[in-house]
């Protein structure tokens, strides 16, 4: 996550301690996986820093830091439109289609065959 200087790191750490919170580090690949999963399962298009919360949840569940029956709320507030460069790396290259209906129909049929 590209944050050269955190907004208020001291306050964040103090709040973390006061609330007995927890922190987990996640890989860039885990964040990219979460960016793929969110729109597929929730319809949300999230930027990497927002998708990091889902990546962190997945890691904490895998490591036993969170029980599977706990209620968890993820705040996904950063739109994927903030970082379209990262999002475009996740999507396949769109097919080029001539502006004729029969060419569009063939392209759609090819895409459906791949799925």
PDB file of N, CA and C in Angstrom:
ATOM      1  N   UNK A   1       0.867  -1.166   0.000  1.00  0.00           N
ATOM      2  CA  UNK A   1       0.000   0.000   0.000  1.00  0.00           C
ATOM      3  C   UNK A   1       0.906   1.219   0.000  1.00  0.00           C
ATOM      4  N   UNK A   2       0.696   2.082  -0.937  1.00  0.00           N
ATOM      5  CA  UNK A   2       1.585   3.223  -1.139  1.00  0.00           C
ATOM      6  C   UNK A   2       1.243   4.379  -0.201  1.00  0.00           C
ATOM      7  N   UNK A   3       1.772   4.304   1.003  1.00  0.00           N
ATOM      8  CA  UNK A   3       1.615   5.397   1.958  1.00  0.00           C
ATOM      9  C   UNK A   3       3.010   5.710   2.483  1.00  0.00           C
ATOM     10  N   UNK A   4       3.607   6.750   1.936  1.00  0.00           N
ATOM     11  CA  UNK A   4       4.966   7.107   2.326  1.00  0.00           C
ATOM     12  C   UNK A   4       5.067   7.510   3.789  1.00  0.00           C
ATOM     13  N   UNK A   5       4.082   8.254   4.251  1.00  0.00           N
ATOM     14  CA  UNK A   5       4.076   8.725   5.633  1.00  0.00           C
ATOM     15  C   UNK A   5       2.663   8.583   6.184  1.00  0.00           C
ATOM     16  N   UNK A   6       2.445   7.632   7.083  1.00  0.00           N
ATOM     17  CA  UNK A   6       1.102   7.429   7.621  1.00  0.00           C
ATOM     18  C   UNK A   6       0.544   8.711   8.235  1.00  0.00           C
ATOM     19  N   UNK A   7      -0.748   8.886   8.100  1.00  0.00           N
ATOM     20  CA  UNK A   7      -1.409  10.105   8.546  1.00  0.00           C
ATOM     21  C   UNK A   7      -1.187  10.384  10.032  1.00  0.00           C
ATOM     22  N   UNK A   8      -1.416   9.402  10.870  1.00  0.00           N
ATOM     23  CA  UNK A   8      -1.221   9.576  12.311  1.00  0.00           C
ATOM     24  C   UNK A   8      -0.882   8.232  12.931  1.00  0.00           C
ATOM     25  N   UNK A   9       0.324   7.767  12.663  1.00  0.00           N
ATOM     26  CA  UNK A   9       0.748   6.438  13.113  1.00  0.00           C
ATOM     27  C   UNK A   9       0.714   6.316  14.640  1.00  0.00           C
ATOM     28  N   UNK A  10       1.130   7.361  15.355  1.00  0.00           N
ATOM     29  CA  UNK A  10       1.137   7.294  16.824  1.00  0.00           C
ATOM     30  C   UNK A  10      -0.272   7.092  17.370  1.00  0.00           C
ATOM     31  N   UNK A  11      -1.214   7.822  16.831  1.00  0.00           N
ATOM     32  CA  UNK A  11      -2.603   7.690  17.289  1.00  0.00           C
ATOM     33  C   UNK A  11      -3.146   6.304  16.956  1.00  0.00           C
ATOM     34  N   UNK A  12      -2.838   5.810  15.761  1.00  0.00           N
ATOM     35  CA  UNK A  12      -3.300   4.483  15.368  1.00  0.00           C
ATOM     36  C   UNK A  12      -2.755   3.415  16.316  1.00  0.00           C
ATOM     37  N   UNK A  13      -1.467   3.483  16.631  1.00  0.00           N
ATOM     38  CA  UNK A  13      -0.868   2.507  17.552  1.00  0.00           C
ATOM     39  C   UNK A  13      -1.438   2.630  18.959  1.00  0.00           C
ATOM     40  N   UNK A  14      -1.656   3.853  19.417  1.00  0.00           N
ATOM     41  CA  UNK A  14      -2.248   4.061  20.743  1.00  0.00           C
ATOM     42  C   UNK A  14      -3.656   3.455  20.792  1.00  0.00           C
ATOM     43  N   UNK A  15      -4.444   3.711  19.782  1.00  0.00           N
ATOM     44  CA  UNK A  15      -5.805   3.169  19.733  1.00  0.00           C
ATOM     45  C   UNK A  15      -5.782   1.651  19.655  1.00  0.00           C
ATOM     46  N   UNK A  16      -4.859   1.107  18.911  1.00  0.00           N
ATOM     47  CA  UNK A  16      -4.709  -0.337  18.813  1.00  0.00           C
ATOM     48  C   UNK A  16      -4.442  -0.943  20.187  1.00  0.00           C
ATOM     49  N   UNK A  17      -3.533  -0.334  20.934  1.00  0.00           N
ATOM     50  CA  UNK A  17      -3.223  -0.832  22.290  1.00  0.00           C
ATOM     51  C   UNK A  17      -4.408  -0.669  23.235  1.00  0.00           C
ATOM     52  N   UNK A  18      -5.038   0.509  23.214  1.00  0.00           N
ATOM     53  CA  UNK A  18      -6.154   0.788  24.126  1.00  0.00           C
ATOM     54  C   UNK A  18      -7.342  -0.138  23.891  1.00  0.00           C
ATOM     55  N   UNK A  19      -7.569  -0.526  22.670  1.00  0.00           N
ATOM     56  CA  UNK A  19      -8.716  -1.384  22.353  1.00  0.00           C
ATOM     57  C   UNK A  19      -8.343  -2.861  22.321  1.00  0.00           C
ATOM     58  N   UNK A  20      -7.073  -3.144  22.631  1.00  0.00           N
ATOM     59  CA  UNK A  20      -6.565  -4.508  22.582  1.00  0.00           C
ATOM     60  C   UNK A  20      -6.805  -5.128  21.210  1.00  0.00           C
ATOM     61  N   UNK A  21      -6.575  -4.303  20.196  1.00  0.00           N
ATOM     62  CA  UNK A  21      -6.757  -4.734  18.817  1.00  0.00           C
ATOM     63  C   UNK A  21      -5.618  -5.622  18.359  1.00  0.00           C
ATOM     64  N   UNK A  22      -5.663  -5.980  17.110  1.00  0.00           N
ATOM     65  CA  UNK A  22      -4.652  -6.865  16.548  1.00  0.00           C
ATOM     66  C   UNK A  22      -4.270  -6.346  15.167  1.00  0.00           C
ATOM     67  N   UNK A  23      -3.082  -6.701  14.735  1.00  0.00           N
ATOM     68  CA  UNK A  23      -2.568  -6.279  13.438  1.00  0.00           C
ATOM     69  C   UNK A  23      -1.987  -7.496  12.751  1.00  0.00           C
ATOM     70  N   UNK A  24      -2.138  -7.529  11.445  1.00  0.00           N
ATOM     71  CA  UNK A  24      -1.562  -8.612  10.666  1.00  0.00           C
ATOM     72  C   UNK A  24      -1.000  -8.021   9.375  1.00  0.00           C
ATOM     73  N   UNK A  25       0.144  -8.511   8.962  1.00  0.00           N
ATOM     74  CA  UNK A  25       0.730  -8.088   7.693  1.00  0.00           C
ATOM     75  C   UNK A  25       0.289  -9.066   6.614  1.00  0.00           C
ATOM     76  N   UNK A  26      -0.035  -8.533   5.450  1.00  0.00           N
ATOM     77  CA  UNK A  26      -0.451  -9.383   4.335  1.00  0.00           C
ATOM     78  C   UNK A  26       0.397  -9.061   3.111  1.00  0.00           C
ATOM     79  N   UNK A  27       0.532 -10.031   2.249  1.00  0.00           N
ATOM     80  CA  UNK A  27       1.341  -9.855   1.045  1.00  0.00           C
ATOM     81  C   UNK A  27       0.566  -9.077  -0.020  1.00  0.00           C
ATOM     82  N   UNK A  28       1.315  -8.534  -0.961  1.00  0.00           N
ATOM     83  CA  UNK A  28       0.684  -7.862  -2.097  1.00  0.00           C
ATOM     84  C   UNK A  28      -0.210  -8.846  -2.850  1.00  0.00           C
ATOM     85  N   UNK A  29       0.236 -10.082  -2.993  1.00  0.00           N
ATOM     86  CA  UNK A  29      -0.558 -11.084  -3.712  1.00  0.00           C
ATOM     87  C   UNK A  29      -1.875 -11.359  -2.993  1.00  0.00           C
ATOM     88  N   UNK A  30      -1.862 -11.390  -1.657  1.00  0.00           N
ATOM     89  CA  UNK A  30      -3.100 -11.601  -0.901  1.00  0.00           C
ATOM     90  C   UNK A  30      -4.063 -10.426  -1.101  1.00  0.00           C
ATOM     91  N   UNK A  31      -3.512  -9.229  -1.187  1.00  0.00           N
ATOM     92  CA  UNK A  31      -4.348  -8.049  -1.436  1.00  0.00           C
ATOM     93  C   UNK A  31      -4.945  -8.124  -2.839  1.00  0.00           C
ATOM     94  N   UNK A  32      -4.149  -8.512  -3.827  1.00  0.00           N
ATOM     95  CA  UNK A  32      -4.658  -8.644  -5.196  1.00  0.00           C
ATOM     96  C   UNK A  32      -5.740  -9.720  -5.276  1.00  0.00           C
ATOM     97  N   UNK A  33      -5.550 -10.815  -4.546  1.00  0.00           N
ATOM     98  CA  UNK A  33      -6.586 -11.856  -4.502  1.00  0.00           C
ATOM     99  C   UNK A  33      -7.878 -11.304  -3.917  1.00  0.00           C
ATOM    100  N   UNK A  34      -7.758 -10.496  -2.864  1.00  0.00           N
ATOM    101  CA  UNK A  34      -8.945  -9.889  -2.250  1.00  0.00           C
ATOM    102  C   UNK A  34      -9.607  -8.901  -3.208  1.00  0.00           C
ATOM    103  N   UNK A  35      -8.797  -8.183  -3.985  1.00  0.00           N
ATOM    104  CA  UNK A  35      -9.362  -7.260  -4.976  1.00  0.00           C
ATOM    105  C   UNK A  35     -10.168  -8.020  -6.024  1.00  0.00           C
ATOM    106  N   UNK A  36      -9.753  -9.242  -6.353  1.00  0.00           N
ATOM    107  CA  UNK A  36     -10.501 -10.073  -7.309  1.00  0.00           C
ATOM    108  C   UNK A  36     -11.773 -10.628  -6.666  1.00  0.00           C
ATOM    109  N   UNK A  37     -11.659 -11.018  -5.410  1.00  0.00           N
ATOM    110  CA  UNK A  37     -12.777 -11.678  -4.721  1.00  0.00           C
ATOM    111  C   UNK A  37     -13.919 -10.713  -4.398  1.00  0.00           C
ATOM    112  N   UNK A  38     -13.591  -9.510  -3.987  1.00  0.00           N
ATOM    113  CA  UNK A  38     -14.641  -8.578  -3.561  1.00  0.00           C
ATOM    114  C   UNK A  38     -15.709  -8.321  -4.621  1.00  0.00           C
ATOM    115  N   UNK A  39     -15.347  -7.972  -5.847  1.00  0.00           N
ATOM    116  CA  UNK A  39     -16.422  -7.736  -6.821  1.00  0.00           C
ATOM    117  C   UNK A  39     -17.185  -9.010  -7.182  1.00  0.00           C
ATOM    118  N   UNK A  40     -16.506 -10.137  -7.159  1.00  0.00           N
ATOM    119  CA  UNK A  40     -17.161 -11.399  -7.508  1.00  0.00           C
ATOM    120  C   UNK A  40     -18.185 -11.821  -6.451  1.00  0.00           C
ATOM    121  N   UNK A  41     -17.917 -11.495  -5.187  1.00  0.00           N
ATOM    122  CA  UNK A  41     -18.797 -11.965  -4.109  1.00  0.00           C
ATOM    123  C   UNK A  41     -19.690 -10.873  -3.520  1.00  0.00           C
ATOM    124  N   UNK A  42     -19.288  -9.608  -3.680  1.00  0.00           N
ATOM    125  CA  UNK A  42     -20.061  -8.533  -3.049  1.00  0.00           C
ATOM    126  C   UNK A  42     -20.462  -7.423  -4.016  1.00  0.00           C
ATOM    127  N   UNK A  43     -19.823  -7.394  -5.175  1.00  0.00           N
ATOM    128  CA  UNK A  43     -20.075  -6.309  -6.119  1.00  0.00           C
ATOM    129  C   UNK A  43     -19.286  -5.053  -5.814  1.00  0.00           C
ATOM    130  N   UNK A  44     -18.379  -5.109  -4.839  1.00  0.00           N
ATOM    131  CA  UNK A  44     -17.581  -3.934  -4.468  1.00  0.00           C
ATOM    132  C   UNK A  44     -16.265  -3.911  -5.237  1.00  0.00           C
ATOM    133  N   UNK A  45     -15.964  -2.763  -5.795  1.00  0.00           N
ATOM    134  CA  UNK A  45     -14.710  -2.534  -6.522  1.00  0.00           C
ATOM    135  C   UNK A  45     -13.820  -1.716  -5.591  1.00  0.00           C
ATOM    136  N   UNK A  46     -12.850  -2.368  -4.967  1.00  0.00           N
ATOM    137  CA  UNK A  46     -12.046  -1.741  -3.926  1.00  0.00           C
ATOM    138  C   UNK A  46     -10.619  -1.475  -4.380  1.00  0.00           C
ATOM    139  N   UNK A  47     -10.065  -0.391  -3.866  1.00  0.00           N
ATOM    140  CA  UNK A  47      -8.643  -0.124  -4.086  1.00  0.00           C
ATOM    141  C   UNK A  47      -7.839  -1.060  -3.190  1.00  0.00           C
ATOM    142  N   UNK A  48      -6.526  -1.190  -3.427  1.00  0.00           N
ATOM    143  CA  UNK A  48      -5.716  -2.128  -2.644  1.00  0.00           C
ATOM    144  C   UNK A  48      -5.799  -1.907  -1.125  1.00  0.00           C
ATOM    145  N   UNK A  49      -5.741  -0.674  -0.654  1.00  0.00           N
ATOM    146  CA  UNK A  49      -5.759  -0.458   0.792  1.00  0.00           C
ATOM    147  C   UNK A  49      -7.079  -0.891   1.425  1.00  0.00           C
ATOM    148  N   UNK A  50      -8.174  -0.794   0.676  1.00  0.00           N
ATOM    149  CA  UNK A  50      -9.457  -1.255   1.190  1.00  0.00           C
ATOM    150  C   UNK A  50      -9.550  -2.774   1.139  1.00  0.00           C
ATOM    151  N   UNK A  51      -9.045  -3.373   0.080  1.00  0.00           N
ATOM    152  CA  UNK A  51      -9.065  -4.828  -0.056  1.00  0.00           C
ATOM    153  C   UNK A  51      -8.143  -5.498   0.964  1.00  0.00           C
ATOM    154  N   UNK A  52      -7.178  -4.758   1.485  1.00  0.00           N
ATOM    155  CA  UNK A  52      -6.256  -5.311   2.483  1.00  0.00           C
ATOM    156  C   UNK A  52      -7.004  -5.818   3.713  1.00  0.00           C
ATOM    157  N   UNK A  53      -8.139  -5.216   4.049  1.00  0.00           N
ATOM    158  CA  UNK A  53      -8.889  -5.690   5.211  1.00  0.00           C
ATOM    159  C   UNK A  53      -9.405  -7.106   4.993  1.00  0.00           C
ATOM    160  N   UNK A  54      -9.870  -7.426   3.798  1.00  0.00           N
ATOM    161  CA  UNK A  54     -10.305  -8.793   3.504  1.00  0.00           C
ATOM    162  C   UNK A  54      -9.112  -9.748   3.506  1.00  0.00           C
ATOM    163  N   UNK A  55      -8.000  -9.301   2.953  1.00  0.00           N
ATOM    164  CA  UNK A  55      -6.788 -10.137   2.971  1.00  0.00           C
ATOM    165  C   UNK A  55      -6.363 -10.417   4.413  1.00  0.00           C
ATOM    166  N   UNK A  56      -6.432  -9.411   5.259  1.00  0.00           N
ATOM    167  CA  UNK A  56      -6.091  -9.589   6.675  1.00  0.00           C
ATOM    168  C   UNK A  56      -7.050 -10.537   7.374  1.00  0.00           C
ATOM    169  N   UNK A  57      -8.334 -10.409   7.086  1.00  0.00           N
ATOM    170  CA  UNK A  57      -9.320 -11.322   7.672  1.00  0.00           C
ATOM    171  C   UNK A  57      -9.024 -12.757   7.269  1.00  0.00           C
ATOM    172  N   UNK A  58      -8.776 -12.974   5.990  1.00  0.00           N
ATOM    173  CA  UNK A  58      -8.462 -14.330   5.514  1.00  0.00           C
ATOM    174  C   UNK A  58      -7.240 -14.900   6.240  1.00  0.00           C
ATOM    175  N   UNK A  59      -6.208 -14.082   6.400  1.00  0.00           N
ATOM    176  CA  UNK A  59      -4.984 -14.552   7.059  1.00  0.00           C
ATOM    177  C   UNK A  59      -5.245 -14.863   8.531  1.00  0.00           C
ATOM    178  N   UNK A  60      -5.975 -13.972   9.210  1.00  0.00           N
ATOM    179  CA  UNK A  60      -6.247 -14.210  10.632  1.00  0.00           C
ATOM    180  C   UNK A  60      -7.120 -15.438  10.846  1.00  0.00           C
ATOM    181  N   UNK A  61      -8.063 -15.676   9.939  1.00  0.00           N
ATOM    182  CA  UNK A  61      -8.861 -16.906  10.031  1.00  0.00           C
ATOM    183  C   UNK A  61      -7.977 -18.133   9.852  1.00  0.00           C
ATOM    184  N   UNK A  62      -7.079 -18.075   8.877  1.00  0.00           N
ATOM    185  CA  UNK A  62      -6.186 -19.208   8.600  1.00  0.00           C
ATOM    186  C   UNK A  62      -5.240 -19.474   9.760  1.00  0.00           C
ATOM    187  N   UNK A  63      -4.817 -18.417  10.446  1.00  0.00           N
ATOM    188  CA  UNK A  63      -3.860 -18.562  11.550  1.00  0.00           C
ATOM    189  C   UNK A  63      -4.538 -18.755  12.906  1.00  0.00           C
ATOM    190  N   UNK A  64      -5.857 -18.732  12.940  1.00  0.00           N
ATOM    191  CA  UNK A  64      -6.572 -18.921  14.198  1.00  0.00           C
ATOM    192  C   UNK A  64      -6.700 -17.665  15.040  1.00  0.00           C
ATOM    193  N   UNK A  65      -6.369 -16.517  14.494  1.00  0.00           N
ATOM    194  CA  UNK A  65      -6.496 -15.257  15.232  1.00  0.00           C
ATOM    195  C   UNK A  65      -7.930 -14.795  15.368  1.00  0.00           C
ATOM    196  N   UNK A  66      -8.806 -15.342  14.538  1.00  0.00           N
ATOM    197  CA  UNK A  66     -10.234 -15.055  14.577  1.00  0.00           C
ATOM    198  C   UNK A  66     -10.957 -16.386  14.501  1.00  0.00           C
ATOM    199  N   UNK A  67     -11.968 -16.547  15.326  1.00  0.00           N
ATOM    200  CA  UNK A  67     -12.762 -17.767  15.293  1.00  0.00           C
ATOM    201  C   UNK A  67     -13.758 -17.691  14.137  1.00  0.00           C
ATOM    202  N   UNK A  68     -14.014 -18.800  13.464  1.00  0.00           N
ATOM    203  CA  UNK A  68     -14.924 -18.790  12.319  1.00  0.00           C
ATOM    204  C   UNK A  68     -16.338 -18.311  12.636  1.00  0.00           C
ATOM    205  N   UNK A  69     -16.768 -18.426  13.898  1.00  0.00           N
ATOM    206  CA  UNK A  69     -18.136 -18.017  14.240  1.00  0.00           C
ATOM    207  C   UNK A  69     -18.221 -16.573  14.763  1.00  0.00           C
ATOM    208  N   UNK A  70     -17.093 -15.854  14.788  1.00  0.00           N
ATOM    209  CA  UNK A  70     -17.120 -14.453  15.233  1.00  0.00           C
ATOM    210  C   UNK A  70     -17.792 -13.579  14.192  1.00  0.00           C
ATOM    211  N   UNK A  71     -18.414 -12.506  14.661  1.00  0.00           N
ATOM    212  CA  UNK A  71     -18.985 -11.511  13.760  1.00  0.00           C
ATOM    213  C   UNK A  71     -17.906 -10.483  13.452  1.00  0.00           C
ATOM    214  N   UNK A  72     -17.643 -10.283  12.184  1.00  0.00           N
ATOM    215  CA  UNK A  72     -16.585  -9.374  11.736  1.00  0.00           C
ATOM    216  C   UNK A  72     -17.191  -8.387  10.747  1.00  0.00           C
ATOM    217  N   UNK A  73     -16.801  -7.137  10.856  1.00  0.00           N
ATOM    218  CA  UNK A  73     -17.242  -6.119   9.915  1.00  0.00           C
ATOM    219  C   UNK A  73     -16.012  -5.543   9.227  1.00  0.00           C
ATOM    220  N   UNK A  74     -16.018  -5.549   7.903  1.00  0.00           N
ATOM    221  CA  UNK A  74     -14.946  -4.939   7.128  1.00  0.00           C
ATOM    222  C   UNK A  74     -15.477  -3.648   6.522  1.00  0.00           C
ATOM    223  N   UNK A  75     -14.754  -2.564   6.712  1.00  0.00           N
ATOM    224  CA  UNK A  75     -15.136  -1.296   6.111  1.00  0.00           C
ATOM    225  C   UNK A  75     -14.353  -1.127   4.821  1.00  0.00           C
ATOM    226  N   UNK A  76     -15.049  -1.238   3.727  1.00  0.00           N
ATOM    227  CA  UNK A  76     -14.425  -1.118   2.402  1.00  0.00           C
ATOM    228  C   UNK A  76     -14.823   0.258   1.869  1.00  0.00           C
ATOM    229  N   UNK A  77     -14.000   1.257   2.138  1.00  0.00           N
ATOM    230  CA  UNK A  77     -14.378   2.629   1.791  1.00  0.00           C
ATOM    231  C   UNK A  77     -13.615   3.182   0.598  1.00  0.00           C
ATOM    232  N   UNK A  78     -12.521   2.568   0.216  1.00  0.00           N
ATOM    233  CA  UNK A  78     -11.710   3.085  -0.883  1.00  0.00           C
ATOM    234  C   UNK A  78     -12.115   2.459  -2.205  1.00  0.00           C
ATOM    235  N   UNK A  79     -12.637   3.255  -3.106  1.00  0.00           N
ATOM    236  CA  UNK A  79     -13.079   2.778  -4.414  1.00  0.00           C
ATOM    237  C   UNK A  79     -11.896   2.349  -5.275  1.00  0.00           C
ATOM    238  N   UNK A  80     -12.111   1.305  -6.058  1.00  0.00           N
ATOM    239  CA  UNK A  80     -11.105   0.853  -7.011  1.00  0.00           C
ATOM    240  C   UNK A  80     -10.798   1.894  -8.070  1.00  0.00           C
ATOM    241  N   UNK A  81     -11.674   2.883  -8.209  1.00  0.00           N
ATOM    242  CA  UNK A  81     -11.420   3.960  -9.170  1.00  0.00           C
ATOM    243  C   UNK A  81     -10.255   4.843  -8.739  1.00  0.00           C
ATOM    244  N   UNK A  82      -9.841   4.740  -7.468  1.00  0.00           N
ATOM    245  CA  UNK A  82      -8.675   5.497  -6.999  1.00  0.00           C
ATOM    246  C   UNK A  82      -7.375   4.936  -7.554  1.00  0.00           C
ATOM    247  N   UNK A  83      -7.382   3.662  -7.911  1.00  0.00           N
ATOM    248  CA  UNK A  83      -6.168   2.999  -8.380  1.00  0.00           C
ATOM    249  C   UNK A  83      -6.520   2.069  -9.536  1.00  0.00           C
ATOM    250  N   UNK A  84      -6.870   2.652 -10.648  1.00  0.00           N
ATOM    251  CA  UNK A  84      -7.262   1.837 -11.802  1.00  0.00           C
ATOM    252  C   UNK A  84      -6.084   1.086 -12.412  1.00  0.00           C
ATOM    253  N   UNK A  85      -4.874   1.578 -12.193  1.00  0.00           N
ATOM    254  CA  UNK A  85      -3.697   0.891 -12.737  1.00  0.00           C
ATOM    255  C   UNK A  85      -3.565  -0.507 -12.138  1.00  0.00           C
ATOM    256  N   UNK A  86      -3.734  -0.619 -10.822  1.00  0.00           N
ATOM    257  CA  UNK A  86      -3.651  -1.940 -10.188  1.00  0.00           C
ATOM    258  C   UNK A  86      -4.808  -2.814 -10.639  1.00  0.00           C
ATOM    259  N   UNK A  87      -5.990  -2.262 -10.667  1.00  0.00           N
ATOM    260  CA  UNK A  87      -7.163  -3.035 -11.063  1.00  0.00           C
ATOM    261  C   UNK A  87      -7.031  -3.542 -12.498  1.00  0.00           C
ATOM    262  N   UNK A  88      -6.479  -2.733 -13.377  1.00  0.00           N
ATOM    263  CA  UNK A  88      -6.363  -3.155 -14.773  1.00  0.00           C
ATOM    264  C   UNK A  88      -5.385  -4.318 -14.929  1.00  0.00           C
ATOM    265  N   UNK A  89      -4.438  -4.449 -14.004  1.00  0.00           N
ATOM    266  CA  UNK A  89      -3.520  -5.603 -14.050  1.00  0.00           C
ATOM    267  C   UNK A  89      -4.248  -6.908 -13.734  1.00  0.00           C
ATOM    268  N   UNK A  90      -5.361  -6.821 -13.027  1.00  0.00           N
ATOM    269  CA  UNK A  90      -6.100  -8.013 -12.614  1.00  0.00           C
ATOM    270  C   UNK A  90      -7.057  -8.521 -13.684  1.00  0.00           C
ATOM    271  N   UNK A  91      -7.453  -7.648 -14.584  1.00  0.00           N
ATOM    272  CA  UNK A  91      -8.458  -8.000 -15.583  1.00  0.00           C
ATOM    273  C   UNK A  91      -7.790  -8.476 -16.869  1.00  0.00           C
ATOM    274  N   UNK A  92      -8.430  -9.393 -17.552  1.00  0.00           N
ATOM    275  CA  UNK A  92      -7.880  -9.813 -18.841  1.00  0.00           C
ATOM    276  C   UNK A  92      -8.022  -8.690 -19.867  1.00  0.00           C
ATOM    277  N   UNK A  93      -7.219  -8.761 -20.880  1.00  0.00           N
ATOM    278  CA  UNK A  93      -7.292  -7.778 -21.959  1.00  0.00           C
ATOM    279  C   UNK A  93      -8.643  -7.925 -22.664  1.00  0.00           C
ATOM    280  N   UNK A  94      -9.390  -6.840 -22.806  1.00  0.00           N
ATOM    281  CA  UNK A  94     -10.692  -6.970 -23.479  1.00  0.00           C
ATOM    282  C   UNK A  94     -10.503  -7.240 -24.968  1.00  0.00           C
ATOM    283  N   UNK A  95     -11.416  -8.001 -25.550  1.00  0.00           N
ATOM    284  CA  UNK A  95     -11.295  -8.285 -26.980  1.00  0.00           C
ATOM    285  C   UNK A  95     -11.618  -7.039 -27.806  1.00  0.00           C
ATOM    286  N   UNK A  96     -10.932  -6.892 -28.906  1.00  0.00           N
ATOM    287  CA  UNK A  96     -11.246  -5.817 -29.850  1.00  0.00           C
ATOM    288  C   UNK A  96     -12.304  -6.350 -30.807  1.00  0.00           C
ATOM    289  N   UNK A  97     -13.344  -5.564 -30.983  1.00  0.00           N
ATOM    290  CA  UNK A  97     -14.464  -5.993 -31.817  1.00  0.00           C
ATOM    291  C   UNK A  97     -14.786  -4.887 -32.808  1.00  0.00           C
ATOM    292  N   UNK A  98     -14.910  -5.272 -34.071  1.00  0.00           N
ATOM    293  CA  UNK A  98     -15.337  -4.296 -35.077  1.00  0.00           C
ATOM    294  C   UNK A  98     -16.762  -3.853 -34.762  1.00  0.00           C
ATOM    295  N   UNK A  99     -17.121  -2.636 -35.130  1.00  0.00           N
ATOM    296  CA  UNK A  99     -18.441  -2.099 -34.761  1.00  0.00           C
ATOM    297  C   UNK A  99     -19.577  -2.612 -35.655  1.00  0.00           C
ATOM    298  N   UNK A 100     -19.683  -3.922 -35.711  1.00  0.00           N
ATOM    299  CA  UNK A 100     -20.781  -4.565 -36.439  1.00  0.00           C
ATOM    300  C   UNK A 100     -21.412  -5.586 -35.508  1.00  0.00           C
ATOM    301  N   UNK A 101     -22.734  -5.679 -35.524  1.00  0.00           N
ATOM    302  CA  UNK A 101     -23.444  -6.546 -34.593  1.00  0.00           C
ATOM    303  C   UNK A 101     -23.018  -8.004 -34.725  1.00  0.00           C
ATOM    304  N   UNK A 102     -22.769  -8.470 -35.930  1.00  0.00           N
ATOM    305  CA  UNK A 102     -22.373  -9.880 -36.090  1.00  0.00           C
ATOM    306  C   UNK A 102     -20.993 -10.144 -35.470  1.00  0.00           C
ATOM    307  N   UNK A 103     -20.093  -9.153 -35.537  1.00  0.00           N
ATOM    308  CA  UNK A 103     -18.772  -9.309 -34.905  1.00  0.00           C
ATOM    309  C   UNK A 103     -18.905  -9.311 -33.378  1.00  0.00           C
ATOM    310  N   UNK A 104     -19.789  -8.473 -32.869  1.00  0.00           N
ATOM    311  CA  UNK A 104     -20.043  -8.452 -31.428  1.00  0.00           C
ATOM    312  C   UNK A 104     -20.624  -9.785 -30.969  1.00  0.00           C
ATOM    313  N   UNK A 105     -21.581 -10.301 -31.709  1.00  0.00           N
ATOM    314  CA  UNK A 105     -22.193 -11.588 -31.351  1.00  0.00           C
ATOM    315  C   UNK A 105     -21.163 -12.713 -31.339  1.00  0.00           C
ATOM    316  N   UNK A 106     -20.247 -12.720 -32.328  1.00  0.00           N
ATOM    317  CA  UNK A 106     -19.185 -13.743 -32.361  1.00  0.00           C
ATOM    318  C   UNK A 106     -18.253 -13.603 -31.149  1.00  0.00           C
ATOM    319  N   UNK A 107     -17.907 -12.370 -30.815  1.00  0.00           N
ATOM    320  CA  UNK A 107     -17.015 -12.138 -29.670  1.00  0.00           C
ATOM    321  C   UNK A 107     -17.672 -12.592 -28.370  1.00  0.00           C
ATOM    322  N   UNK A 108     -18.946 -12.301 -28.196  1.00  0.00           N
ATOM    323  CA  UNK A 108     -19.664 -12.735 -26.996  1.00  0.00           C
ATOM    324  C   UNK A 108     -19.731 -14.257 -26.952  1.00  0.00           C
ATOM    325  N   UNK A 109     -20.004 -14.888 -28.075  1.00  0.00           N
ATOM    326  CA  UNK A 109     -20.063 -16.355 -28.122  1.00  0.00           C
ATOM    327  C   UNK A 109     -18.715 -16.963 -27.751  1.00  0.00           C
ATOM    328  N   UNK A 110     -17.618 -16.367 -28.237  1.00  0.00           N
ATOM    329  CA  UNK A 110     -16.268 -16.867 -27.895  1.00  0.00           C
ATOM    330  C   UNK A 110     -16.007 -16.740 -26.394  1.00  0.00           C
ATOM    331  N   UNK A 111     -16.365 -15.605 -25.812  1.00  0.00           N
ATOM    332  CA  UNK A 111     -16.147 -15.390 -24.373  1.00  0.00           C
ATOM    333  C   UNK A 111     -16.950 -16.374 -23.548  1.00  0.00           C
ATOM    334  N   UNK A 112     -18.179 -16.639 -23.938  1.00  0.00           N
ATOM    335  CA  UNK A 112     -19.019 -17.602 -23.215  1.00  0.00           C
ATOM    336  C   UNK A 112     -18.454 -19.009 -23.316  1.00  0.00           C
ATOM    337  N   UNK A 113     -17.872 -19.342 -24.452  1.00  0.00           N
ATOM    338  CA  UNK A 113     -17.276 -20.668 -24.629  1.00  0.00           C
ATOM    339  C   UNK A 113     -16.085 -20.861 -23.716  1.00  0.00           C
ATOM    340  N   UNK A 114     -15.360 -19.780 -23.427  1.00  0.00           N
ATOM    341  CA  UNK A 114     -14.186 -19.847 -22.552  1.00  0.00           C
ATOM    342  C   UNK A 114     -14.603 -20.083 -21.107  1.00  0.00           C
ATOM    343  N   UNK A 115     -15.712 -19.470 -20.692  1.00  0.00           N
ATOM    344  CA  UNK A 115     -16.177 -19.602 -19.315  1.00  0.00           C
ATOM    345  C   UNK A 115     -16.585 -21.013 -19.078  1.00  0.00           C
TER     346      UNK A 115
END
